[in-house]
């Protein structure tokens, strides 16, 4: 783990995110959703990888989108690919 900027970025994107303010401000246009991004074992994938799922706040036990995400870097740009 020599590359500190990519490690710091990986820490920033890990967590639980919500669009609650956006959904409350304009409920006709935006559903209230949560996005959970969990890091996966670095040694297993030999890269920074994450499990993510998106769900509606009113139906938290039934995510509507799940994916494995791989974080890489090209030059000074971080790239997250979905699998």
PDB file of N, CA and C in Angstrom:
ATOM      1  N   UNK A   1       0.838  -1.178   0.000  1.00  0.00           N
ATOM      2  CA  UNK A   1       0.000   0.000   0.000  1.00  0.00           C
ATOM      3  C   UNK A   1       0.883   1.242   0.000  1.00  0.00           C
ATOM      4  N   UNK A   2       1.614   1.420  -1.058  1.00  0.00           N
ATOM      5  CA  UNK A   2       2.555   2.514  -1.168  1.00  0.00           C
ATOM      6  C   UNK A   2       1.873   3.828  -1.526  1.00  0.00           C
ATOM      7  N   UNK A   3       0.779   3.759  -2.266  1.00  0.00           N
ATOM      8  CA  UNK A   3       0.140   4.943  -2.816  1.00  0.00           C
ATOM      9  C   UNK A   3      -0.846   5.546  -1.824  1.00  0.00           C
ATOM     10  N   UNK A   4      -0.415   6.519  -1.065  1.00  0.00           N
ATOM     11  CA  UNK A   4      -1.249   7.096  -0.022  1.00  0.00           C
ATOM     12  C   UNK A   4      -2.500   7.823  -0.547  1.00  0.00           C
ATOM     13  N   UNK A   5      -2.435   8.615  -1.635  1.00  0.00           N
ATOM     14  CA  UNK A   5      -3.655   9.295  -2.100  1.00  0.00           C
ATOM     15  C   UNK A   5      -4.795   8.324  -2.428  1.00  0.00           C
ATOM     16  N   UNK A   6      -4.506   7.199  -3.063  1.00  0.00           N
ATOM     17  CA  UNK A   6      -5.582   6.258  -3.394  1.00  0.00           C
ATOM     18  C   UNK A   6      -6.134   5.602  -2.128  1.00  0.00           C
ATOM     19  N   UNK A   7      -5.273   5.363  -1.143  1.00  0.00           N
ATOM     20  CA  UNK A   7      -5.740   4.814   0.129  1.00  0.00           C
ATOM     21  C   UNK A   7      -6.649   5.808   0.839  1.00  0.00           C
ATOM     22  N   UNK A   8      -6.278   7.065   0.851  1.00  0.00           N
ATOM     23  CA  UNK A   8      -7.111   8.094   1.480  1.00  0.00           C
ATOM     24  C   UNK A   8      -8.458   8.223   0.767  1.00  0.00           C
ATOM     25  N   UNK A   9      -8.439   8.158  -0.568  1.00  0.00           N
ATOM     26  CA  UNK A   9      -9.685   8.220  -1.328  1.00  0.00           C
ATOM     27  C   UNK A   9     -10.568   7.012  -1.022  1.00  0.00           C
ATOM     28  N   UNK A  10      -9.952   5.839  -0.897  1.00  0.00           N
ATOM     29  CA  UNK A  10     -10.696   4.623  -0.558  1.00  0.00           C
ATOM     30  C   UNK A  10     -11.378   4.776   0.801  1.00  0.00           C
ATOM     31  N   UNK A  11     -10.710   5.401   1.749  1.00  0.00           N
ATOM     32  CA  UNK A  11     -11.310   5.636   3.069  1.00  0.00           C
ATOM     33  C   UNK A  11     -12.484   6.596   2.984  1.00  0.00           C
ATOM     34  N   UNK A  12     -12.357   7.613   2.141  1.00  0.00           N
ATOM     35  CA  UNK A  12     -13.419   8.622   2.004  1.00  0.00           C
ATOM     36  C   UNK A  12     -14.691   8.021   1.415  1.00  0.00           C
ATOM     37  N   UNK A  13     -14.552   7.169   0.406  1.00  0.00           N
ATOM     38  CA  UNK A  13     -15.764   6.647  -0.248  1.00  0.00           C
ATOM     39  C   UNK A  13     -16.395   5.472   0.500  1.00  0.00           C
ATOM     40  N   UNK A  14     -15.712   4.941   1.499  1.00  0.00           N
ATOM     41  CA  UNK A  14     -16.295   3.857   2.301  1.00  0.00           C
ATOM     42  C   UNK A  14     -17.263   4.455   3.308  1.00  0.00           C
ATOM     43  N   UNK A  15     -18.455   3.879   3.387  1.00  0.00           N
ATOM     44  CA  UNK A  15     -19.420   4.365   4.369  1.00  0.00           C
ATOM     45  C   UNK A  15     -20.849   4.228   3.896  1.00  0.00           C
ATOM     46  N   UNK A  16     -21.720   4.941   4.584  1.00  0.00           N
ATOM     47  CA  UNK A  16     -23.147   4.954   4.266  1.00  0.00           C
ATOM     48  C   UNK A  16     -23.516   6.375   3.868  1.00  0.00           C
ATOM     49  N   UNK A  17     -24.129   6.502   2.703  1.00  0.00           N
ATOM     50  CA  UNK A  17     -24.476   7.822   2.184  1.00  0.00           C
ATOM     51  C   UNK A  17     -25.973   7.874   1.898  1.00  0.00           C
ATOM     52  N   UNK A  18     -26.542   9.068   2.020  1.00  0.00           N
ATOM     53  CA  UNK A  18     -27.975   9.256   1.837  1.00  0.00           C
ATOM     54  C   UNK A  18     -28.225  10.572   1.106  1.00  0.00           C
ATOM     55  N   UNK A  19     -29.309  10.633   0.388  1.00  0.00           N
ATOM     56  CA  UNK A  19     -29.718  11.875  -0.268  1.00  0.00           C
ATOM     57  C   UNK A  19     -30.930  12.481   0.438  1.00  0.00           C
ATOM     58  N   UNK A  20     -31.001  12.331   1.740  1.00  0.00           N
ATOM     59  CA  UNK A  20     -32.169  12.751   2.523  1.00  0.00           C
ATOM     60  C   UNK A  20     -32.546  14.213   2.269  1.00  0.00           C
ATOM     61  N   UNK A  21     -31.580  15.120   2.312  1.00  0.00           N
ATOM     62  CA  UNK A  21     -31.886  16.543   2.104  1.00  0.00           C
ATOM     63  C   UNK A  21     -32.470  16.788   0.725  1.00  0.00           C
ATOM     64  N   UNK A  22     -31.899  16.160  -0.281  1.00  0.00           N
ATOM     65  CA  UNK A  22     -32.388  16.316  -1.646  1.00  0.00           C
ATOM     66  C   UNK A  22     -33.811  15.765  -1.770  1.00  0.00           C
ATOM     67  N   UNK A  23     -34.039  14.588  -1.189  1.00  0.00           N
ATOM     68  CA  UNK A  23     -35.357  13.953  -1.274  1.00  0.00           C
ATOM     69  C   UNK A  23     -36.420  14.763  -0.534  1.00  0.00           C
ATOM     70  N   UNK A  24     -36.071  15.312   0.622  1.00  0.00           N
ATOM     71  CA  UNK A  24     -37.028  16.117   1.384  1.00  0.00           C
ATOM     72  C   UNK A  24     -37.330  17.444   0.687  1.00  0.00           C
ATOM     73  N   UNK A  25     -36.331  18.008   0.026  1.00  0.00           N
ATOM     74  CA  UNK A  25     -36.521  19.282  -0.663  1.00  0.00           C
ATOM     75  C   UNK A  25     -37.385  19.143  -1.914  1.00  0.00           C
ATOM     76  N   UNK A  26     -37.341  17.971  -2.559  1.00  0.00           N
ATOM     77  CA  UNK A  26     -38.106  17.774  -3.795  1.00  0.00           C
ATOM     78  C   UNK A  26     -38.551  16.318  -3.889  1.00  0.00           C
ATOM     79  N   UNK A  27     -39.519  15.912  -3.057  1.00  0.00           N
ATOM     80  CA  UNK A  27     -39.921  14.497  -3.024  1.00  0.00           C
ATOM     81  C   UNK A  27     -40.574  13.979  -4.304  1.00  0.00           C
ATOM     82  N   UNK A  28     -41.087  14.862  -5.132  1.00  0.00           N
ATOM     83  CA  UNK A  28     -41.686  14.397  -6.388  1.00  0.00           C
ATOM     84  C   UNK A  28     -40.624  13.945  -7.380  1.00  0.00           C
ATOM     85  N   UNK A  29     -39.427  14.500  -7.278  1.00  0.00           N
ATOM     86  CA  UNK A  29     -38.351  14.157  -8.210  1.00  0.00           C
ATOM     87  C   UNK A  29     -37.371  13.135  -7.664  1.00  0.00           C
ATOM     88  N   UNK A  30     -37.189  13.085  -6.326  1.00  0.00           N
ATOM     89  CA  UNK A  30     -36.134  12.259  -5.755  1.00  0.00           C
ATOM     90  C   UNK A  30     -36.653  11.361  -4.643  1.00  0.00           C
ATOM     91  N   UNK A  31     -36.458  10.061  -4.799  1.00  0.00           N
ATOM     92  CA  UNK A  31     -36.751   9.116  -3.725  1.00  0.00           C
ATOM     93  C   UNK A  31     -35.610   9.177  -2.715  1.00  0.00           C
ATOM     94  N   UNK A  32     -35.912   8.892  -1.461  1.00  0.00           N
ATOM     95  CA  UNK A  32     -34.880   8.867  -0.419  1.00  0.00           C
ATOM     96  C   UNK A  32     -34.171   7.525  -0.493  1.00  0.00           C
ATOM     97  N   UNK A  33     -32.878   7.563  -0.834  1.00  0.00           N
ATOM     98  CA  UNK A  33     -32.103   6.331  -0.984  1.00  0.00           C
ATOM     99  C   UNK A  33     -30.882   6.352  -0.066  1.00  0.00           C
ATOM    100  N   UNK A  34     -30.340   5.178   0.152  1.00  0.00           N
ATOM    101  CA  UNK A  34     -29.075   5.013   0.862  1.00  0.00           C
ATOM    102  C   UNK A  34     -28.138   4.212  -0.023  1.00  0.00           C
ATOM    103  N   UNK A  35     -26.861   4.571   0.057  1.00  0.00           N
ATOM    104  CA  UNK A  35     -25.827   3.804  -0.634  1.00  0.00           C
ATOM    105  C   UNK A  35     -24.822   3.357   0.418  1.00  0.00           C
ATOM    106  N   UNK A  36     -24.623   2.056   0.512  1.00  0.00           N
ATOM    107  CA  UNK A  36     -23.656   1.475   1.441  1.00  0.00           C
ATOM    108  C   UNK A  36     -22.454   1.017   0.629  1.00  0.00           C
ATOM    109  N   UNK A  37     -21.270   1.471   1.019  1.00  0.00           N
ATOM    110  CA  UNK A  37     -20.036   1.073   0.339  1.00  0.00           C
ATOM    111  C   UNK A  37     -19.093   0.508   1.393  1.00  0.00           C
ATOM    112  N   UNK A  38     -18.797  -0.771   1.261  1.00  0.00           N
ATOM    113  CA  UNK A  38     -17.970  -1.481   2.241  1.00  0.00           C
ATOM    114  C   UNK A  38     -16.688  -1.972   1.571  1.00  0.00           C
ATOM    115  N   UNK A  39     -15.533  -1.731   2.202  1.00  0.00           N
ATOM    116  CA  UNK A  39     -14.277  -2.226   1.616  1.00  0.00           C
ATOM    117  C   UNK A  39     -14.184  -3.741   1.700  1.00  0.00           C
ATOM    118  N   UNK A  40     -13.538  -4.319   0.701  1.00  0.00           N
ATOM    119  CA  UNK A  40     -13.266  -5.754   0.677  1.00  0.00           C
ATOM    120  C   UNK A  40     -11.788  -5.972   0.966  1.00  0.00           C
ATOM    121  N   UNK A  41     -11.395  -7.196   1.242  1.00  0.00           N
ATOM    122  CA  UNK A  41     -10.020  -7.497   1.609  1.00  0.00           C
ATOM    123  C   UNK A  41      -9.059  -7.194   0.461  1.00  0.00           C
ATOM    124  N   UNK A  42      -8.080  -6.373   0.743  1.00  0.00           N
ATOM    125  CA  UNK A  42      -7.083  -5.983  -0.253  1.00  0.00           C
ATOM    126  C   UNK A  42      -6.313  -7.197  -0.764  1.00  0.00           C
ATOM    127  N   UNK A  43      -5.927  -8.093   0.141  1.00  0.00           N
ATOM    128  CA  UNK A  43      -5.125  -9.263  -0.245  1.00  0.00           C
ATOM    129  C   UNK A  43      -5.901 -10.215  -1.156  1.00  0.00           C
ATOM    130  N   UNK A  44      -7.203 -10.295  -0.985  1.00  0.00           N
ATOM    131  CA  UNK A  44      -8.022 -11.192  -1.803  1.00  0.00           C
ATOM    132  C   UNK A  44      -8.107 -10.699  -3.246  1.00  0.00           C
ATOM    133  N   UNK A  45      -8.359  -9.417  -3.424  1.00  0.00           N
ATOM    134  CA  UNK A  45      -8.587  -8.865  -4.765  1.00  0.00           C
ATOM    135  C   UNK A  45      -7.338  -8.230  -5.374  1.00  0.00           C
ATOM    136  N   UNK A  46      -6.287  -8.061  -4.565  1.00  0.00           N
ATOM    137  CA  UNK A  46      -5.033  -7.449  -5.008  1.00  0.00           C
ATOM    138  C   UNK A  46      -5.247  -6.038  -5.574  1.00  0.00           C
ATOM    139  N   UNK A  47      -6.244  -5.372  -5.033  1.00  0.00           N
ATOM    140  CA  UNK A  47      -6.537  -3.990  -5.392  1.00  0.00           C
ATOM    141  C   UNK A  47      -7.518  -3.452  -4.355  1.00  0.00           C
ATOM    142  N   UNK A  48      -7.826  -2.170  -4.457  1.00  0.00           N
ATOM    143  CA  UNK A  48      -8.864  -1.609  -3.593  1.00  0.00           C
ATOM    144  C   UNK A  48     -10.208  -1.964  -4.217  1.00  0.00           C
ATOM    145  N   UNK A  49     -11.007  -2.719  -3.474  1.00  0.00           N
ATOM    146  CA  UNK A  49     -12.305  -3.161  -3.986  1.00  0.00           C
ATOM    147  C   UNK A  49     -13.356  -2.963  -2.906  1.00  0.00           C
ATOM    148  N   UNK A  50     -14.605  -2.824  -3.351  1.00  0.00           N
ATOM    149  CA  UNK A  50     -15.708  -2.536  -2.442  1.00  0.00           C
ATOM    150  C   UNK A  50     -16.934  -3.333  -2.849  1.00  0.00           C
ATOM    151  N   UNK A  51     -17.758  -3.629  -1.857  1.00  0.00           N
ATOM    152  CA  UNK A  51     -19.097  -4.138  -2.110  1.00  0.00           C
ATOM    153  C   UNK A  51     -20.022  -2.952  -1.886  1.00  0.00           C
ATOM    154  N   UNK A  52     -20.927  -2.703  -2.817  1.00  0.00           N
ATOM    155  CA  UNK A  52     -21.868  -1.597  -2.629  1.00  0.00           C
ATOM    156  C   UNK A  52     -23.284  -2.052  -2.932  1.00  0.00           C
ATOM    157  N   UNK A  53     -24.209  -1.419  -2.239  1.00  0.00           N
ATOM    158  CA  UNK A  53     -25.619  -1.650  -2.548  1.00  0.00           C
ATOM    159  C   UNK A  53     -26.405  -0.379  -2.327  1.00  0.00           C
ATOM    160  N   UNK A  54     -27.436  -0.233  -3.163  1.00  0.00           N
ATOM    161  CA  UNK A  54     -28.318   0.922  -3.080  1.00  0.00           C
ATOM    162  C   UNK A  54     -29.703   0.434  -2.711  1.00  0.00           C
ATOM    163  N   UNK A  55     -30.355   1.198  -1.857  1.00  0.00           N
ATOM    164  CA  UNK A  55     -31.691   0.797  -1.392  1.00  0.00           C
ATOM    165  C   UNK A  55     -32.538   2.021  -1.112  1.00  0.00           C
ATOM    166  N   UNK A  56     -33.846   1.831  -1.229  1.00  0.00           N
ATOM    167  CA  UNK A  56     -34.775   2.876  -0.834  1.00  0.00           C
ATOM    168  C   UNK A  56     -34.864   2.895   0.682  1.00  0.00           C
ATOM    169  N   UNK A  57     -34.953   4.081   1.252  1.00  0.00           N
ATOM    170  CA  UNK A  57     -35.005   4.211   2.697  1.00  0.00           C
ATOM    171  C   UNK A  57     -36.216   3.481   3.296  1.00  0.00           C
ATOM    172  N   UNK A  58     -37.321   3.447   2.579  1.00  0.00           N
ATOM    173  CA  UNK A  58     -38.531   2.801   3.104  1.00  0.00           C
ATOM    174  C   UNK A  58     -38.500   1.269   2.951  1.00  0.00           C
ATOM    175  N   UNK A  59     -37.487   0.747   2.269  1.00  0.00           N
ATOM    176  CA  UNK A  59     -37.412  -0.702   2.016  1.00  0.00           C
ATOM    177  C   UNK A  59     -35.955  -1.167   2.148  1.00  0.00           C
ATOM    178  N   UNK A  60     -35.383  -0.992   3.334  1.00  0.00           N
ATOM    179  CA  UNK A  60     -33.945  -1.188   3.514  1.00  0.00           C
ATOM    180  C   UNK A  60     -33.482  -2.628   3.380  1.00  0.00           C
ATOM    181  N   UNK A  61     -34.377  -3.596   3.484  1.00  0.00           N
ATOM    182  CA  UNK A  61     -33.972  -5.000   3.407  1.00  0.00           C
ATOM    183  C   UNK A  61     -34.003  -5.552   1.994  1.00  0.00           C
ATOM    184  N   UNK A  62     -34.339  -4.723   1.027  1.00  0.00           N
ATOM    185  CA  UNK A  62     -34.398  -5.158  -0.375  1.00  0.00           C
ATOM    186  C   UNK A  62     -33.623  -4.198  -1.271  1.00  0.00           C
ATOM    187  N   UNK A  63     -32.312  -4.310  -1.296  1.00  0.00           N
ATOM    188  CA  UNK A  63     -31.545  -3.404  -2.161  1.00  0.00           C
ATOM    189  C   UNK A  63     -31.910  -3.616  -3.631  1.00  0.00           C
ATOM    190  N   UNK A  64     -31.939  -2.526  -4.377  1.00  0.00           N
ATOM    191  CA  UNK A  64     -32.287  -2.640  -5.795  1.00  0.00           C
ATOM    192  C   UNK A  64     -31.058  -2.682  -6.693  1.00  0.00           C
ATOM    193  N   UNK A  65     -29.882  -2.399  -6.145  1.00  0.00           N
ATOM    194  CA  UNK A  65     -28.664  -2.496  -6.948  1.00  0.00           C
ATOM    195  C   UNK A  65     -27.511  -2.924  -6.041  1.00  0.00           C
ATOM    196  N   UNK A  66     -26.813  -3.962  -6.457  1.00  0.00           N
ATOM    197  CA  UNK A  66     -25.643  -4.448  -5.729  1.00  0.00           C
ATOM    198  C   UNK A  66     -24.502  -4.579  -6.725  1.00  0.00           C
ATOM    199  N   UNK A  67     -23.288  -4.271  -6.270  1.00  0.00           N
ATOM    200  CA  UNK A  67     -22.159  -4.421  -7.182  1.00  0.00           C
ATOM    201  C   UNK A  67     -20.846  -4.548  -6.421  1.00  0.00           C
ATOM    202  N   UNK A  68     -19.866  -5.027  -7.142  1.00  0.00           N
ATOM    203  CA  UNK A  68     -18.480  -5.026  -6.677  1.00  0.00           C
ATOM    204  C   UNK A  68     -17.806  -3.897  -7.448  1.00  0.00           C
ATOM    205  N   UNK A  69     -17.105  -3.032  -6.743  1.00  0.00           N
ATOM    206  CA  UNK A  69     -16.455  -1.877  -7.346  1.00  0.00           C
ATOM    207  C   UNK A  69     -14.949  -1.981  -7.168  1.00  0.00           C
ATOM    208  N   UNK A  70     -14.220  -1.676  -8.211  1.00  0.00           N
ATOM    209  CA  UNK A  70     -12.762  -1.703  -8.162  1.00  0.00           C
ATOM    210  C   UNK A  70     -12.253  -0.279  -8.322  1.00  0.00           C
ATOM    211  N   UNK A  71     -11.361   0.118  -7.417  1.00  0.00           N
ATOM    212  CA  UNK A  71     -10.775   1.453  -7.467  1.00  0.00           C
ATOM    213  C   UNK A  71      -9.374   1.353  -8.057  1.00  0.00           C
ATOM    214  N   UNK A  72      -9.120   2.163  -9.060  1.00  0.00           N
ATOM    215  CA  UNK A  72      -7.783   2.203  -9.665  1.00  0.00           C
ATOM    216  C   UNK A  72      -7.412   3.658  -9.912  1.00  0.00           C
ATOM    217  N   UNK A  73      -6.209   3.849 -10.360  1.00  0.00           N
ATOM    218  CA  UNK A  73      -5.720   5.204 -10.607  1.00  0.00           C
ATOM    219  C   UNK A  73      -5.003   5.241 -11.951  1.00  0.00           C
ATOM    220  N   UNK A  74      -5.298   6.263 -12.723  1.00  0.00           N
ATOM    221  CA  UNK A  74      -4.625   6.467 -14.007  1.00  0.00           C
ATOM    222  C   UNK A  74      -4.145   7.913 -14.027  1.00  0.00           C
ATOM    223  N   UNK A  75      -2.841   8.071 -13.909  1.00  0.00           N
ATOM    224  CA  UNK A  75      -2.307   9.426 -13.772  1.00  0.00           C
ATOM    225  C   UNK A  75      -2.726   9.986 -12.424  1.00  0.00           C
ATOM    226  N   UNK A  76      -3.373  11.131 -12.441  1.00  0.00           N
ATOM    227  CA  UNK A  76      -3.882  11.743 -11.209  1.00  0.00           C
ATOM    228  C   UNK A  76      -5.383  11.569 -11.058  1.00  0.00           C
ATOM    229  N   UNK A  77      -5.964  10.638 -11.785  1.00  0.00           N
ATOM    230  CA  UNK A  77      -7.416  10.437 -11.775  1.00  0.00           C
ATOM    231  C   UNK A  77      -7.748   9.088 -11.141  1.00  0.00           C
ATOM    232  N   UNK A  78      -8.685   9.088 -10.202  1.00  0.00           N
ATOM    233  CA  UNK A  78      -9.173   7.855  -9.615  1.00  0.00           C
ATOM    234  C   UNK A  78     -10.337   7.341 -10.449  1.00  0.00           C
ATOM    235  N   UNK A  79     -10.356   6.033 -10.685  1.00  0.00           N
ATOM    236  CA  UNK A  79     -11.399   5.420 -11.520  1.00  0.00           C
ATOM    237  C   UNK A  79     -12.057   4.318 -10.708  1.00  0.00           C
ATOM    238  N   UNK A  80     -13.388   4.359 -10.632  1.00  0.00           N
ATOM    239  CA  UNK A  80     -14.148   3.294  -9.963  1.00  0.00           C
ATOM    240  C   UNK A  80     -14.917   2.547 -11.044  1.00  0.00           C
ATOM    241  N   UNK A  81     -14.606   1.270 -11.197  1.00  0.00           N
ATOM    242  CA  UNK A  81     -15.327   0.461 -12.181  1.00  0.00           C
ATOM    243  C   UNK A  81     -16.290  -0.478 -11.437  1.00  0.00           C
ATOM    244  N   UNK A  82     -17.430  -0.699 -12.051  1.00  0.00           N
ATOM    245  CA  UNK A  82     -18.473  -1.553 -11.467  1.00  0.00           C
ATOM    246  C   UNK A  82     -18.458  -2.912 -12.133  1.00  0.00           C
ATOM    247  N   UNK A  83     -18.644  -3.942 -11.316  1.00  0.00           N
ATOM    248  CA  UNK A  83     -18.671  -5.317 -11.831  1.00  0.00           C
ATOM    249  C   UNK A  83     -19.904  -6.025 -11.302  1.00  0.00           C
TER     250      UNK A  83
END
